[in-house]
Amino acid sequence: VVDPDKAVIDTYIAGVAITAGQFVYGIVSSGKVGLADEDASAEASWVVGMALAAAAAGQAVDVVRRGKVYGFTLSGHAYWLPCSLSNTAGALLDTGATTNIVARVVPLSDADLT
């Protein structure tokens, strides 16, 4: 997390195995989080945020709901454009999306814009 004082981070219980950097949604029936997926309307509608660490099913996982993070490979994404969910569970799609926008890739102020 780039600036923890400006971020909103909550802890949830994983309903499935989650990898750091994947986007998660709230599973209405269990109260846990699973991998958000554009293909599934419920999963696309209840996006909670991005997992900050890996977690096995049943483990706690920190999720950034709002804020800037670094340390993730986003070479396939353009700066500033809105990112929506992908059809790949937990992943982002960068196509200048207008629906299910869950993130935006913004440059930081270092020389590498990381």
N, C-alpha and C. Protein backbone atom coordinates (compact mmCIF):
# COMPACT_ATOMS: atom_id res chain seq x y z
N VAL A 1 0.86 -1.17 0.00
CA VAL A 1 0.00 0.00 0.00
C VAL A 1 0.90 1.23 0.00
N VAL A 2 0.66 2.15 -0.91
CA VAL A 2 1.51 3.32 -1.06
C VAL A 2 1.34 4.28 0.10
N ASP A 3 0.14 4.62 0.44
CA ASP A 3 -0.13 5.58 1.50
C ASP A 3 -1.22 5.00 2.41
N PRO A 4 -0.83 4.21 3.41
CA PRO A 4 -1.80 3.52 4.26
C PRO A 4 -2.82 4.44 4.94
N ASP A 5 -2.40 5.69 5.23
CA ASP A 5 -3.32 6.62 5.90
C ASP A 5 -4.49 7.03 5.01
N LYS A 6 -4.32 6.91 3.71
CA LYS A 6 -5.38 7.28 2.77
C LYS A 6 -6.11 6.07 2.20
N ALA A 7 -5.69 4.87 2.57
CA ALA A 7 -6.28 3.65 2.04
C ALA A 7 -7.38 3.11 2.94
N VAL A 8 -8.28 2.37 2.34
CA VAL A 8 -9.30 1.63 3.09
C VAL A 8 -9.00 0.15 2.88
N ILE A 9 -8.63 -0.52 3.97
CA ILE A 9 -8.26 -1.93 3.91
C ILE A 9 -9.11 -2.66 4.94
N ASP A 10 -9.77 -3.72 4.50
CA ASP A 10 -10.57 -4.55 5.40
C ASP A 10 -10.09 -5.99 5.30
N THR A 11 -10.35 -6.75 6.34
CA THR A 11 -9.98 -8.16 6.37
C THR A 11 -11.23 -9.02 6.26
N TYR A 12 -11.16 -10.03 5.39
CA TYR A 12 -12.28 -10.94 5.15
C TYR A 12 -11.77 -12.37 5.23
N ILE A 13 -12.67 -13.31 5.20
CA ILE A 13 -12.32 -14.73 5.14
C ILE A 13 -12.46 -15.19 3.70
N ALA A 14 -11.41 -15.83 3.19
CA ALA A 14 -11.42 -16.33 1.82
C ALA A 14 -12.33 -17.55 1.70
N GLY A 15 -13.18 -17.55 0.69
CA GLY A 15 -14.04 -18.71 0.41
C GLY A 15 -13.37 -19.67 -0.55
N VAL A 16 -12.30 -19.21 -1.21
CA VAL A 16 -11.52 -20.00 -2.16
C VAL A 16 -10.06 -19.58 -2.02
N ALA A 17 -9.16 -20.28 -2.68
CA ALA A 17 -7.76 -19.86 -2.69
C ALA A 17 -7.64 -18.56 -3.47
N ILE A 18 -6.92 -17.60 -2.90
CA ILE A 18 -6.77 -16.28 -3.50
C ILE A 18 -5.28 -15.95 -3.59
N THR A 19 -4.88 -15.32 -4.68
CA THR A 19 -3.51 -14.88 -4.89
C THR A 19 -3.46 -13.37 -4.72
N ALA A 20 -2.37 -12.86 -4.18
CA ALA A 20 -2.20 -11.41 -4.04
C ALA A 20 -2.40 -10.74 -5.40
N GLY A 21 -3.17 -9.66 -5.41
CA GLY A 21 -3.43 -8.91 -6.63
C GLY A 21 -4.72 -9.29 -7.33
N GLN A 22 -5.37 -10.35 -6.89
CA GLN A 22 -6.64 -10.72 -7.51
C GLN A 22 -7.78 -9.91 -6.90
N PHE A 23 -8.78 -9.65 -7.72
CA PHE A 23 -9.96 -8.93 -7.26
C PHE A 23 -10.98 -9.91 -6.72
N VAL A 24 -11.61 -9.52 -5.62
CA VAL A 24 -12.54 -10.41 -4.94
C VAL A 24 -13.92 -9.78 -4.82
N TYR A 25 -14.91 -10.62 -4.67
CA TYR A 25 -16.28 -10.18 -4.48
C TYR A 25 -16.82 -10.81 -3.20
N GLY A 26 -17.87 -10.22 -2.67
CA GLY A 26 -18.51 -10.75 -1.47
C GLY A 26 -19.49 -11.85 -1.82
N ILE A 27 -19.27 -13.04 -1.26
CA ILE A 27 -20.18 -14.16 -1.47
C ILE A 27 -21.37 -13.98 -0.54
N VAL A 28 -22.52 -13.69 -1.12
CA VAL A 28 -23.70 -13.33 -0.34
C VAL A 28 -24.13 -14.46 0.59
N SER A 29 -24.05 -15.70 0.14
CA SER A 29 -24.55 -16.82 0.93
C SER A 29 -23.67 -17.19 2.12
N SER A 30 -22.36 -16.86 2.07
CA SER A 30 -21.47 -17.29 3.15
C SER A 30 -20.80 -16.14 3.91
N GLY A 31 -20.80 -14.93 3.33
CA GLY A 31 -20.11 -13.81 3.96
C GLY A 31 -18.61 -13.80 3.72
N LYS A 32 -18.11 -14.77 2.95
CA LYS A 32 -16.69 -14.83 2.62
C LYS A 32 -16.46 -14.10 1.30
N VAL A 33 -15.20 -14.10 0.84
CA VAL A 33 -14.89 -13.50 -0.46
C VAL A 33 -14.38 -14.56 -1.41
N GLY A 34 -14.71 -14.37 -2.69
CA GLY A 34 -14.26 -15.26 -3.76
C GLY A 34 -13.69 -14.43 -4.89
N LEU A 35 -13.24 -15.07 -5.95
CA LEU A 35 -12.64 -14.38 -7.08
C LEU A 35 -13.70 -13.75 -7.96
N ALA A 36 -13.60 -12.44 -8.15
CA ALA A 36 -14.56 -11.72 -8.98
C ALA A 36 -14.35 -12.09 -10.45
N ASP A 37 -15.44 -12.19 -11.20
CA ASP A 37 -15.38 -12.66 -12.58
C ASP A 37 -16.46 -11.94 -13.38
N GLU A 38 -16.07 -11.36 -14.51
CA GLU A 38 -17.01 -10.64 -15.37
C GLU A 38 -18.13 -11.55 -15.89
N ASP A 39 -17.84 -12.84 -16.05
CA ASP A 39 -18.81 -13.78 -16.59
C ASP A 39 -20.00 -14.02 -15.67
N ALA A 40 -19.81 -13.81 -14.38
CA ALA A 40 -20.85 -14.12 -13.41
C ALA A 40 -21.43 -12.81 -12.87
N SER A 41 -22.70 -12.59 -13.08
CA SER A 41 -23.30 -11.30 -12.73
C SER A 41 -23.18 -10.99 -11.24
N ALA A 42 -23.39 -11.98 -10.38
CA ALA A 42 -23.27 -11.72 -8.94
C ALA A 42 -21.84 -11.35 -8.57
N GLU A 43 -20.89 -12.05 -9.15
CA GLU A 43 -19.48 -11.79 -8.84
C GLU A 43 -19.03 -10.44 -9.35
N ALA A 44 -19.60 -10.01 -10.46
CA ALA A 44 -19.26 -8.70 -11.01
C ALA A 44 -19.94 -7.57 -10.23
N SER A 45 -21.08 -7.86 -9.63
CA SER A 45 -21.85 -6.83 -8.93
C SER A 45 -21.37 -6.55 -7.52
N TRP A 46 -20.74 -7.51 -6.88
CA TRP A 46 -20.37 -7.37 -5.47
C TRP A 46 -18.86 -7.31 -5.26
N VAL A 47 -18.14 -6.61 -6.15
CA VAL A 47 -16.69 -6.51 -6.03
C VAL A 47 -16.35 -5.75 -4.75
N VAL A 48 -15.46 -6.32 -3.96
CA VAL A 48 -15.05 -5.72 -2.70
C VAL A 48 -13.74 -4.95 -2.88
N GLY A 49 -12.77 -5.51 -3.61
CA GLY A 49 -11.49 -4.86 -3.80
C GLY A 49 -10.44 -5.85 -4.23
N MET A 50 -9.17 -5.49 -4.01
CA MET A 50 -8.04 -6.32 -4.43
C MET A 50 -7.33 -6.93 -3.23
N ALA A 51 -7.08 -8.24 -3.30
CA ALA A 51 -6.38 -8.94 -2.23
C ALA A 51 -4.93 -8.47 -2.15
N LEU A 52 -4.47 -8.19 -0.95
CA LEU A 52 -3.10 -7.73 -0.76
C LEU A 52 -2.12 -8.87 -0.52
N ALA A 53 -2.64 -10.05 -0.24
CA ALA A 53 -1.78 -11.21 0.02
C ALA A 53 -2.52 -12.47 -0.40
N ALA A 54 -1.80 -13.55 -0.51
CA ALA A 54 -2.42 -14.83 -0.83
C ALA A 54 -3.11 -15.39 0.42
N ALA A 55 -4.14 -16.18 0.19
CA ALA A 55 -4.84 -16.83 1.29
C ALA A 55 -5.48 -18.11 0.78
N ALA A 56 -5.46 -19.13 1.60
CA ALA A 56 -6.17 -20.37 1.29
C ALA A 56 -7.62 -20.22 1.73
N ALA A 57 -8.48 -21.05 1.21
CA ALA A 57 -9.88 -21.03 1.63
C ALA A 57 -9.96 -21.18 3.15
N GLY A 58 -10.72 -20.30 3.77
CA GLY A 58 -10.89 -20.33 5.22
C GLY A 58 -9.93 -19.42 5.97
N GLN A 59 -8.93 -18.88 5.30
CA GLN A 59 -7.97 -17.98 5.94
C GLN A 59 -8.40 -16.52 5.78
N ALA A 60 -7.90 -15.68 6.67
CA ALA A 60 -8.15 -14.24 6.57
C ALA A 60 -7.31 -13.66 5.44
N VAL A 61 -7.86 -12.65 4.76
CA VAL A 61 -7.13 -11.98 3.69
C VAL A 61 -7.44 -10.48 3.75
N ASP A 62 -6.39 -9.66 3.70
CA ASP A 62 -6.57 -8.21 3.67
C ASP A 62 -6.91 -7.79 2.24
N VAL A 63 -7.90 -6.92 2.12
CA VAL A 63 -8.38 -6.45 0.82
C VAL A 63 -8.38 -4.93 0.82
N VAL A 64 -7.70 -4.34 -0.16
CA VAL A 64 -7.73 -2.88 -0.28
C VAL A 64 -9.00 -2.52 -1.06
N ARG A 65 -9.83 -1.76 -0.41
CA ARG A 65 -11.09 -1.34 -1.02
C ARG A 65 -10.93 -0.01 -1.75
N ARG A 66 -9.98 0.79 -1.26
CA ARG A 66 -9.69 2.08 -1.88
C ARG A 66 -8.26 2.44 -1.51
N GLY A 67 -7.49 2.87 -2.50
CA GLY A 67 -6.12 3.28 -2.23
C GLY A 67 -5.19 2.85 -3.33
N LYS A 68 -3.94 3.30 -3.21
CA LYS A 68 -2.91 2.98 -4.20
C LYS A 68 -2.00 1.89 -3.67
N VAL A 69 -1.65 0.96 -4.55
CA VAL A 69 -0.73 -0.12 -4.21
C VAL A 69 0.36 -0.19 -5.27
N TYR A 70 1.47 -0.79 -4.91
CA TYR A 70 2.53 -1.03 -5.90
C TYR A 70 3.06 -2.43 -5.68
N GLY A 71 3.88 -2.89 -6.64
CA GLY A 71 4.47 -4.22 -6.51
C GLY A 71 3.77 -5.27 -7.35
N PHE A 72 2.88 -4.87 -8.22
CA PHE A 72 2.17 -5.81 -9.07
C PHE A 72 2.51 -5.53 -10.53
N THR A 73 2.65 -6.58 -11.35
CA THR A 73 2.97 -6.42 -12.75
C THR A 73 1.71 -6.05 -13.52
N LEU A 74 1.71 -4.87 -14.10
CA LEU A 74 0.55 -4.39 -14.86
C LEU A 74 0.99 -3.93 -16.25
N SER A 75 1.99 -4.61 -16.80
CA SER A 75 2.55 -4.19 -18.08
C SER A 75 1.53 -4.23 -19.22
N GLY A 76 0.49 -5.00 -19.10
CA GLY A 76 -0.53 -5.07 -20.14
C GLY A 76 -1.61 -4.01 -20.01
N HIS A 77 -1.45 -3.11 -19.06
CA HIS A 77 -2.47 -2.10 -18.80
C HIS A 77 -1.93 -0.70 -19.06
N ALA A 78 -2.73 0.12 -19.69
CA ALA A 78 -2.34 1.51 -19.97
C ALA A 78 -2.63 2.38 -18.75
N TYR A 79 -1.84 3.45 -18.59
CA TYR A 79 -2.09 4.39 -17.50
C TYR A 79 -3.40 5.12 -17.71
N TRP A 80 -4.06 5.44 -16.62
CA TRP A 80 -5.24 6.30 -16.52
C TRP A 80 -6.54 5.66 -16.98
N LEU A 81 -6.51 4.68 -17.86
CA LEU A 81 -7.76 4.11 -18.35
C LEU A 81 -8.43 3.29 -17.26
N PRO A 82 -9.75 3.30 -17.23
CA PRO A 82 -10.45 2.47 -16.26
C PRO A 82 -10.26 1.00 -16.60
N CYS A 83 -10.17 0.18 -15.57
CA CYS A 83 -10.03 -1.27 -15.73
C CYS A 83 -11.28 -1.93 -15.17
N SER A 84 -11.79 -2.88 -15.90
CA SER A 84 -12.95 -3.64 -15.44
C SER A 84 -12.50 -5.06 -15.12
N LEU A 85 -13.43 -5.87 -14.66
CA LEU A 85 -13.14 -7.27 -14.42
C LEU A 85 -12.93 -7.99 -15.74
N SER A 86 -12.12 -9.02 -15.70
CA SER A 86 -11.88 -9.88 -16.85
C SER A 86 -12.78 -11.11 -16.76
N ASN A 87 -12.84 -11.87 -17.83
CA ASN A 87 -13.53 -13.16 -17.80
C ASN A 87 -12.69 -14.20 -17.08
N THR A 88 -11.43 -13.86 -16.80
CA THR A 88 -10.55 -14.70 -16.00
C THR A 88 -10.77 -14.31 -14.54
N ALA A 89 -11.18 -15.25 -13.72
CA ALA A 89 -11.51 -14.96 -12.32
C ALA A 89 -10.38 -14.24 -11.60
N GLY A 90 -10.70 -13.10 -11.00
CA GLY A 90 -9.75 -12.33 -10.21
C GLY A 90 -8.92 -11.34 -10.99
N ALA A 91 -8.96 -11.39 -12.32
CA ALA A 91 -8.08 -10.57 -13.15
C ALA A 91 -8.77 -9.30 -13.65
N LEU A 92 -7.93 -8.36 -14.13
CA LEU A 92 -8.41 -7.10 -14.69
C LEU A 92 -8.37 -7.14 -16.21
N LEU A 93 -9.22 -6.34 -16.82
CA LEU A 93 -9.24 -6.15 -18.26
C LEU A 93 -9.10 -4.67 -18.52
N ASP A 94 -8.20 -4.29 -19.39
CA ASP A 94 -7.94 -2.88 -19.69
C ASP A 94 -8.37 -2.60 -21.12
N THR A 95 -9.59 -2.12 -21.28
CA THR A 95 -10.07 -1.83 -22.63
C THR A 95 -10.80 -0.50 -22.66
N GLY A 96 -10.54 0.36 -21.70
CA GLY A 96 -11.29 1.60 -21.62
C GLY A 96 -12.73 1.28 -21.26
N ALA A 97 -12.91 0.36 -20.36
CA ALA A 97 -14.22 -0.16 -19.99
C ALA A 97 -15.15 0.93 -19.47
N THR A 98 -16.43 0.70 -19.65
CA THR A 98 -17.43 1.62 -19.13
C THR A 98 -18.35 0.95 -18.11
N THR A 99 -18.25 -0.37 -17.95
CA THR A 99 -19.06 -1.08 -16.96
C THR A 99 -18.15 -1.90 -16.05
N ASN A 100 -18.62 -2.17 -14.86
CA ASN A 100 -17.89 -2.95 -13.86
C ASN A 100 -16.45 -2.47 -13.67
N ILE A 101 -16.28 -1.15 -13.63
CA ILE A 101 -14.95 -0.58 -13.41
C ILE A 101 -14.56 -0.81 -11.96
N VAL A 102 -13.40 -1.42 -11.75
CA VAL A 102 -12.96 -1.72 -10.39
C VAL A 102 -11.62 -1.09 -10.05
N ALA A 103 -10.92 -0.54 -11.04
CA ALA A 103 -9.60 0.02 -10.77
C ALA A 103 -9.17 0.96 -11.88
N ARG A 104 -8.08 1.63 -11.62
CA ARG A 104 -7.44 2.49 -12.60
C ARG A 104 -5.94 2.42 -12.33
N VAL A 105 -5.13 2.24 -13.36
CA VAL A 105 -3.68 2.17 -13.20
C VAL A 105 -3.15 3.60 -13.28
N VAL A 106 -2.60 4.09 -12.16
CA VAL A 106 -2.07 5.46 -12.13
C VAL A 106 -0.57 5.39 -11.84
N PRO A 107 0.22 6.27 -12.47
CA PRO A 107 1.66 6.26 -12.22
C PRO A 107 1.97 6.91 -10.88
N LEU A 108 3.02 6.43 -10.24
CA LEU A 108 3.51 7.07 -9.02
C LEU A 108 4.55 8.10 -9.40
N SER A 109 5.06 8.84 -8.45
CA SER A 109 5.93 9.96 -8.74
C SER A 109 7.41 9.61 -8.79
N ASP A 110 7.78 8.32 -8.82
CA ASP A 110 9.18 7.96 -8.95
C ASP A 110 9.58 7.94 -10.43
N ALA A 111 10.87 7.81 -10.72
CA ALA A 111 11.37 7.87 -12.10
C ALA A 111 10.79 6.78 -12.99
N ASP A 112 10.48 5.62 -12.41
CA ASP A 112 9.94 4.50 -13.20
C ASP A 112 8.41 4.51 -13.27
N LEU A 113 7.79 5.49 -12.64
CA LEU A 113 6.33 5.59 -12.58
C LEU A 113 5.69 4.32 -12.01
N THR A 114 6.37 3.71 -11.06
CA THR A 114 5.86 2.44 -10.55
C THR A 114 4.76 2.64 -9.53
